[in-house]
Amino acid sequence: MAYILSLETSSSVCSVALHQDQQLLTYAELRLEKSHSSHITVMVNQVLEYAGVSLKEVNAVAVSGGPGSYTGLRIGSGTAKGLCYSLDIPLISVDTLTAMAQQVIETTPNKEKFLYCPMIDARRSEVYTCIVTHDLKIALPVEPLIIESNSFEPYLEKQPVVFFGSGAAKAQEMLAPNENAFYLENVKPSAKAVGQLAFAKLQAQQFEDVAYYEPFYLKEVYITKPSGK
């Protein structure tokens, strides 16, 4: 039996989950822009208190590893690393897009009939995306993609594809109409799915180096100084 504390901060939604093995015990979510840094530790304490579990009983911390918001990923990884270092427990990183796909797959009837395309808005015509099968096998690796009308044509020709996430509306607008394309609204990254996928990594002892771990930003971040007068 293991307690896994999971953090999701890759988007505008901040969430924390506590699992006992694969069973969800408690969950907290906050949909408030730019609030992650001031609320994440409070939410950690809340989910532990609600479950009647002390911080010292936690066996591993899982974090949504990206891609996603640069600032959000930094907050999540920094919090997770701090907890792991202080408690001397393993750090587990879960791909954000894969965790999003897991959320949709587990609620989809006849899930094996579809491909799943999670999307994170990366501004303008670009998204961070991938395509996975119903058992999370990679059909299209994670990549930054500028959407064009025929971007997913080879996949849509073979079987239905479900598009979801913050970039899905952009895809629906840019892609040519196709009877094999399905779009879901309001699918946000969640610590629930991060915790679910983290359990397999805990069993396989697929851990990150707490000292050197960095989130998967996918693209370099360019920081410019404001022009002075």
Protein backbone atom coordinates (compact mmCIF):
# COMPACT_ATOMS: atom_id res chain seq x y z
CA MET A 1 0.00 0.00 0.00
CA ALA A 2 1.36 3.40 -1.00
CA TYR A 3 0.14 6.97 -0.71
CA ILE A 4 0.86 9.07 -3.82
CA LEU A 5 0.45 12.85 -3.64
CA SER A 6 -0.05 14.36 -7.12
CA LEU A 7 0.27 17.97 -8.28
CA GLU A 8 -1.09 19.50 -11.49
CA THR A 9 -0.09 23.09 -12.27
CA SER A 10 0.54 23.04 -16.03
CA SER A 11 -2.52 25.13 -16.92
CA SER A 12 -4.78 27.77 -15.39
CA VAL A 13 -6.25 24.99 -13.22
CA CYS A 14 -4.33 24.04 -10.09
CA SER A 15 -5.19 20.67 -8.57
CA VAL A 16 -3.89 18.25 -5.96
CA ALA A 17 -4.87 14.60 -5.49
CA LEU A 18 -4.07 11.88 -2.99
CA HIS A 19 -4.23 8.23 -4.08
CA GLN A 20 -3.82 5.05 -2.08
CA ASP A 21 -2.28 2.90 -4.79
CA GLN A 22 -4.74 3.56 -7.66
CA GLN A 23 -7.71 4.55 -5.49
CA LEU A 24 -8.46 8.26 -5.28
CA LEU A 25 -8.86 9.35 -1.66
CA THR A 26 -9.16 13.14 -1.84
CA TYR A 27 -8.95 15.86 -4.47
CA ALA A 28 -8.81 19.66 -4.51
CA GLU A 29 -9.06 21.95 -7.52
CA LEU A 30 -8.81 25.70 -7.99
CA ARG A 31 -9.71 27.43 -11.26
CA LEU A 32 -8.22 30.81 -10.56
CA GLU A 33 -5.65 32.43 -12.85
CA LYS A 34 -2.17 33.10 -11.46
CA SER A 35 -2.92 31.65 -8.03
CA HIS A 36 -0.84 28.46 -8.07
CA SER A 37 2.11 29.69 -6.06
CA SER A 38 -0.02 31.05 -3.22
CA HIS A 39 -2.45 28.12 -2.99
CA ILE A 40 -0.61 24.91 -3.87
CA THR A 41 0.77 24.19 -0.39
CA VAL A 42 -2.57 25.03 1.21
CA MET A 43 -4.27 22.54 -1.13
CA VAL A 44 -1.68 19.88 -0.28
CA ASN A 45 -2.45 20.29 3.41
CA GLN A 46 -6.19 20.18 2.72
CA VAL A 47 -6.21 16.90 0.80
CA LEU A 48 -4.01 15.24 3.42
CA GLU A 49 -6.18 16.50 6.26
CA TYR A 50 -9.41 15.37 4.57
CA ALA A 51 -7.94 11.88 4.06
CA GLY A 52 -6.57 11.67 7.60
CA VAL A 53 -3.06 11.09 6.22
CA SER A 54 0.01 12.86 7.54
CA LEU A 55 2.68 14.27 5.24
CA LYS A 56 5.19 11.78 6.69
CA GLU A 57 3.00 8.89 5.47
CA VAL A 58 3.25 9.94 1.80
CA ASN A 59 5.35 7.47 -0.19
CA ALA A 60 5.89 9.48 -3.40
CA VAL A 61 5.04 12.79 -5.03
CA ALA A 62 3.92 12.87 -8.66
CA VAL A 63 3.92 16.01 -10.76
CA SER A 64 2.49 16.90 -14.14
CA GLY A 65 5.71 17.26 -16.09
CA GLY A 66 4.64 19.23 -19.13
CA PRO A 67 4.25 20.53 -21.69
CA GLY A 68 2.24 23.49 -20.48
CA SER A 69 2.59 26.89 -18.87
CA TYR A 70 6.22 27.69 -18.14
CA THR A 71 5.42 29.43 -14.86
CA GLY A 72 2.90 26.78 -13.82
CA LEU A 73 5.32 23.93 -14.49
CA ARG A 74 8.03 25.69 -12.49
CA ILE A 75 5.71 26.08 -9.51
CA GLY A 76 4.60 22.45 -9.64
CA SER A 77 8.07 21.01 -10.04
CA GLY A 78 9.54 23.28 -7.37
CA THR A 79 6.86 22.29 -4.87
CA ALA A 80 7.20 18.58 -5.70
CA LYS A 81 10.98 18.66 -5.43
CA GLY A 82 10.81 20.46 -2.11
CA LEU A 83 8.43 17.87 -0.69
CA CYS A 84 10.49 14.94 -1.99
CA TYR A 85 13.74 16.39 -0.68
CA SER A 86 12.39 17.15 2.78
CA LEU A 87 10.62 13.80 3.12
CA ASP A 88 13.31 11.76 1.32
CA ILE A 89 10.76 10.12 -0.99
CA PRO A 90 10.71 9.51 -4.78
CA LEU A 91 9.66 12.08 -7.38
CA ILE A 92 7.55 10.85 -10.30
CA SER A 93 6.93 12.87 -13.47
CA VAL A 94 3.86 12.19 -15.63
CA ASP A 95 3.45 13.60 -19.13
CA THR A 96 0.69 16.22 -19.08
CA LEU A 97 -0.82 15.29 -22.45
CA THR A 98 -0.87 11.58 -21.64
CA ALA A 99 -2.64 12.31 -18.35
CA MET A 100 -5.23 14.38 -20.22
CA ALA A 101 -5.79 11.49 -22.60
CA GLN A 102 -6.26 9.12 -19.67
CA GLN A 103 -9.08 11.31 -18.37
CA VAL A 104 -10.97 11.07 -21.65
CA ILE A 105 -10.25 7.41 -22.40
CA GLU A 106 -11.62 6.14 -19.10
CA THR A 107 -15.00 7.79 -19.75
CA THR A 108 -15.31 6.92 -23.46
CA PRO A 109 -17.62 4.04 -24.48
CA ASN A 110 -16.01 1.66 -27.01
CA LYS A 111 -12.75 3.44 -26.36
CA GLU A 112 -10.71 1.14 -28.62
CA LYS A 113 -12.45 2.59 -31.71
CA PHE A 114 -10.84 6.00 -31.30
CA LEU A 115 -7.52 7.78 -31.35
CA TYR A 116 -7.06 10.51 -28.74
CA CYS A 117 -5.50 13.90 -29.41
CA PRO A 118 -4.97 16.11 -26.33
CA MET A 119 -4.08 19.71 -27.15
CA ILE A 120 -2.65 22.57 -25.13
CA ASP A 121 -2.99 26.05 -26.62
CA ALA A 122 0.44 27.48 -27.40
CA ARG A 123 -0.81 30.80 -28.82
CA ARG A 124 -1.59 31.87 -32.38
CA SER A 125 -2.06 28.81 -34.62
CA GLU A 126 0.16 26.54 -32.54
CA VAL A 127 -0.65 23.79 -30.05
CA TYR A 128 1.31 21.26 -28.01
CA THR A 129 -0.14 17.91 -28.94
CA CYS A 130 0.25 14.19 -29.46
CA ILE A 131 -1.96 11.27 -30.47
CA VAL A 132 -2.36 8.10 -28.44
CA THR A 133 -4.39 4.91 -28.70
CA HIS A 134 -6.92 3.73 -26.13
CA ASP A 135 -4.13 1.95 -24.22
CA LEU A 136 -1.89 5.06 -24.29
CA LYS A 137 0.45 3.81 -26.99
CA ILE A 138 2.02 6.66 -28.95
CA ALA A 139 0.70 7.19 -32.47
CA LEU A 140 2.09 10.73 -32.81
CA PRO A 141 4.85 11.83 -30.38
CA VAL A 142 4.51 15.04 -28.41
CA GLU A 143 5.32 18.05 -30.56
CA PRO A 144 4.58 21.75 -31.03
CA LEU A 145 2.34 21.95 -34.09
CA ILE A 146 1.07 24.82 -36.20
CA ILE A 147 -2.37 23.61 -37.23
CA GLU A 148 -3.23 23.57 -40.92
CA SER A 149 -6.36 22.28 -42.60
CA ASN A 150 -4.80 18.87 -43.34
CA SER A 151 -2.68 18.50 -40.19
CA PHE A 152 -4.20 15.21 -38.99
CA GLU A 153 -5.39 13.83 -42.31
CA PRO A 154 -3.44 10.52 -42.20
CA TYR A 155 -5.01 9.67 -38.83
CA LEU A 156 -8.52 10.84 -39.68
CA GLU A 157 -8.50 8.68 -42.81
CA LYS A 158 -8.00 5.54 -40.71
CA GLN A 159 -10.28 5.99 -37.69
CA PRO A 160 -12.14 8.54 -35.57
CA VAL A 161 -10.01 10.99 -33.60
CA VAL A 162 -11.14 12.75 -30.42
CA PHE A 163 -9.67 16.25 -29.97
CA PHE A 164 -9.76 17.91 -26.55
CA GLY A 165 -7.95 20.36 -24.30
CA SER A 166 -7.39 24.11 -24.47
CA GLY A 167 -6.26 23.89 -28.11
CA ALA A 168 -9.21 21.84 -29.39
CA ALA A 169 -11.37 24.84 -30.31
CA LYS A 170 -8.47 26.16 -32.36
CA ALA A 171 -8.20 22.80 -34.12
CA GLN A 172 -11.90 22.73 -34.87
CA GLU A 173 -11.62 26.16 -36.44
CA MET A 174 -8.53 25.36 -38.52
CA LEU A 175 -9.07 21.75 -39.60
CA ALA A 176 -11.13 20.87 -42.66
CA PRO A 177 -14.54 19.36 -41.77
CA ASN A 178 -14.25 15.60 -41.29
CA GLU A 179 -16.81 13.08 -40.08
CA ASN A 180 -14.06 11.27 -38.17
CA ALA A 181 -13.16 14.33 -36.08
CA PHE A 182 -14.83 14.70 -32.67
CA TYR A 183 -14.30 17.61 -30.29
CA LEU A 184 -14.76 17.69 -26.52
CA GLU A 185 -15.05 20.85 -24.44
CA ASN A 186 -13.81 21.67 -20.94
CA VAL A 187 -11.18 18.95 -20.62
CA LYS A 188 -8.55 20.37 -18.27
CA PRO A 189 -5.38 18.75 -16.90
CA SER A 190 -6.11 17.08 -13.56
CA ALA A 191 -4.06 15.69 -10.70
CA LYS A 192 -6.50 12.76 -10.58
CA ALA A 193 -5.09 11.33 -13.83
CA VAL A 194 -1.52 12.19 -12.83
CA GLY A 195 -1.94 10.05 -9.72
CA GLN A 196 -3.48 7.19 -11.67
CA LEU A 197 -0.56 7.00 -14.09
CA ALA A 198 2.01 7.57 -11.36
CA PHE A 199 1.15 4.28 -9.65
CA ALA A 200 2.60 2.19 -12.50
CA LYS A 201 5.77 4.29 -12.40
CA LEU A 202 6.01 3.80 -8.65
CA GLN A 203 5.78 0.03 -9.07
CA ALA A 204 8.43 0.13 -11.81
CA GLN A 205 10.57 2.52 -9.75
CA GLN A 206 10.70 5.03 -12.60
CA PHE A 207 11.78 8.01 -10.54
CA GLU A 208 13.30 11.40 -11.33
CA ASP A 209 16.49 12.83 -9.89
CA VAL A 210 15.16 15.28 -7.32
CA ALA A 211 18.24 17.52 -7.56
CA TYR A 212 18.31 17.84 -11.35
CA TYR A 213 14.75 17.31 -12.51
CA GLU A 214 13.31 19.91 -14.90
CA PRO A 215 9.82 19.94 -16.45
CA PHE A 216 9.34 19.19 -20.15
CA TYR A 217 8.82 22.67 -21.55
CA LEU A 218 8.90 21.41 -25.16
CA LYS A 219 10.05 24.81 -26.42
CA GLU A 220 12.69 27.19 -25.16
CA VAL A 221 11.41 30.17 -23.23
CA TYR A 222 12.63 33.52 -24.39
CA ILE A 223 12.72 36.27 -21.78
CA THR A 224 13.27 39.82 -22.95
CA LYS A 225 13.98 42.95 -20.98
CA PRO A 226 11.50 45.80 -21.27
CA SER A 227 12.84 48.66 -23.33
CA GLY A 228 13.92 51.60 -21.23
CA LYS A 229 13.54 55.23 -22.11
